[in-house]
Protein backbone atom coordinates (compact mmCIF):
# COMPACT_ATOMS: atom_id res chain seq x y z
CA MET A 1 4.79 38.06 1.18
CA ASP A 2 3.19 34.92 2.60
CA MET A 3 1.73 32.08 0.52
CA ARG A 4 -1.88 33.32 0.78
CA GLU A 5 -0.87 36.71 -0.60
CA GLU A 6 1.04 35.07 -3.45
CA VAL A 7 -1.92 32.86 -4.34
CA SER A 8 -4.29 35.82 -4.13
CA GLU A 9 -2.02 37.86 -6.40
CA VAL A 10 -1.95 35.09 -9.04
CA TYR A 11 -5.69 34.49 -8.70
CA ASN A 12 -6.47 38.16 -9.23
CA THR A 13 -4.12 38.64 -12.17
CA PRO A 14 -5.89 38.89 -15.54
CA LEU A 15 -5.62 35.69 -17.59
CA LEU A 16 -3.76 37.20 -20.54
CA ASP A 17 -1.19 38.73 -18.18
CA LEU A 18 -0.59 35.26 -16.75
CA VAL A 19 -0.26 33.81 -20.26
CA PHE A 20 2.23 36.54 -21.20
CA LYS A 21 4.32 35.94 -18.06
CA ALA A 22 4.27 32.18 -18.65
CA ALA A 23 5.31 32.61 -22.29
CA THR A 24 8.14 34.95 -21.25
CA VAL A 25 9.52 32.42 -18.78
CA HIS A 26 9.03 29.57 -21.28
CA ARG A 27 11.03 31.47 -23.93
CA MET A 28 13.89 31.94 -21.46
CA TYR A 29 14.39 28.17 -21.34
CA ASN A 30 12.94 26.88 -24.63
CA ASP A 31 13.19 27.65 -28.33
CA PRO A 32 9.89 29.39 -29.17
CA ALA A 33 9.97 27.90 -32.69
CA MET A 34 10.18 24.32 -31.40
CA VAL A 35 7.02 22.24 -31.36
CA GLN A 36 6.85 19.13 -29.21
CA ARG A 37 4.90 16.30 -30.79
CA CYS A 38 2.79 14.04 -28.63
CA THR A 39 1.58 10.63 -29.74
CA LEU A 40 -0.75 8.10 -28.21
CA LEU A 41 -0.53 4.38 -28.87
CA SER A 42 -3.33 1.99 -27.99
CA ILE A 43 -1.47 -0.99 -26.57
CA LYS A 44 -4.52 -3.23 -26.19
CA THR A 45 -7.09 -2.08 -28.74
CA GLY A 46 -10.49 -3.65 -28.17
CA GLY A 47 -9.25 -5.79 -25.29
CA CYS A 48 -10.55 -3.96 -22.24
CA PRO A 49 -13.77 -5.19 -20.56
CA GLU A 50 -14.66 -1.69 -19.28
CA ASN A 51 -17.06 0.51 -21.27
CA CYS A 52 -15.76 4.08 -21.10
CA ASN A 53 -17.73 5.15 -24.23
CA TYR A 54 -14.81 7.11 -25.66
CA CYS A 55 -11.91 4.70 -25.38
CA SER A 56 -10.59 2.65 -28.30
CA GLN A 57 -9.45 0.00 -25.86
CA SER A 58 -13.01 -0.90 -24.86
CA SER A 59 -14.30 -4.24 -26.20
CA HIS A 60 -17.83 -2.80 -26.19
CA TRP A 61 -17.23 -1.07 -29.54
CA SER A 62 -16.20 -4.18 -31.50
CA GLU A 63 -19.57 -4.59 -33.24
CA ASP A 64 -19.71 -0.92 -34.28
CA THR A 65 -16.11 -0.64 -35.44
CA GLY A 66 -15.33 -4.14 -36.67
CA LEU A 67 -12.11 -4.14 -34.66
CA LYS A 68 -10.92 -7.37 -33.19
CA ALA A 69 -9.39 -7.43 -29.74
CA GLU A 70 -5.61 -7.38 -29.73
CA LYS A 71 -3.35 -8.76 -27.05
CA LEU A 72 -1.46 -6.33 -24.86
CA MET A 73 1.62 -5.14 -26.75
CA GLY A 74 4.93 -6.16 -25.26
CA LEU A 75 7.37 -3.55 -24.05
CA GLU A 76 9.88 -4.29 -26.82
CA GLU A 77 7.16 -3.87 -29.46
CA VAL A 78 6.20 -0.49 -27.96
CA TYR A 79 9.85 0.60 -28.06
CA GLU A 80 10.08 -0.50 -31.69
CA VAL A 81 7.06 1.65 -32.61
CA GLN A 82 8.65 4.55 -30.75
CA LYS A 83 11.89 4.07 -32.68
CA LEU A 84 10.08 3.79 -36.05
CA MET A 85 8.20 7.00 -35.38
CA GLY A 86 11.37 8.83 -34.33
CA LEU A 87 9.96 9.80 -30.93
CA GLU A 88 12.10 10.68 -27.94
CA GLU A 89 9.25 10.25 -25.49
CA PHE A 90 6.14 8.16 -25.56
């Protein structure tokens, strides 16, 4: 089977069949009861000059939120937060 046929087969497979196959493969290599936690850390809250409308790092929201701009966090400080939170990845 060439690549176009493989792509076509995946494309034409019903979504829930794809989800089932993916879950089956995932369970072969991962504990299905394990939940991976993800955490975000704003390392320069209110200090960015861009206005992305959704981002906590934008300085354009300071009047609405009352937040004061913070300096960019240092790498060691970020690692300390990671350690305090018990996170393996950040």
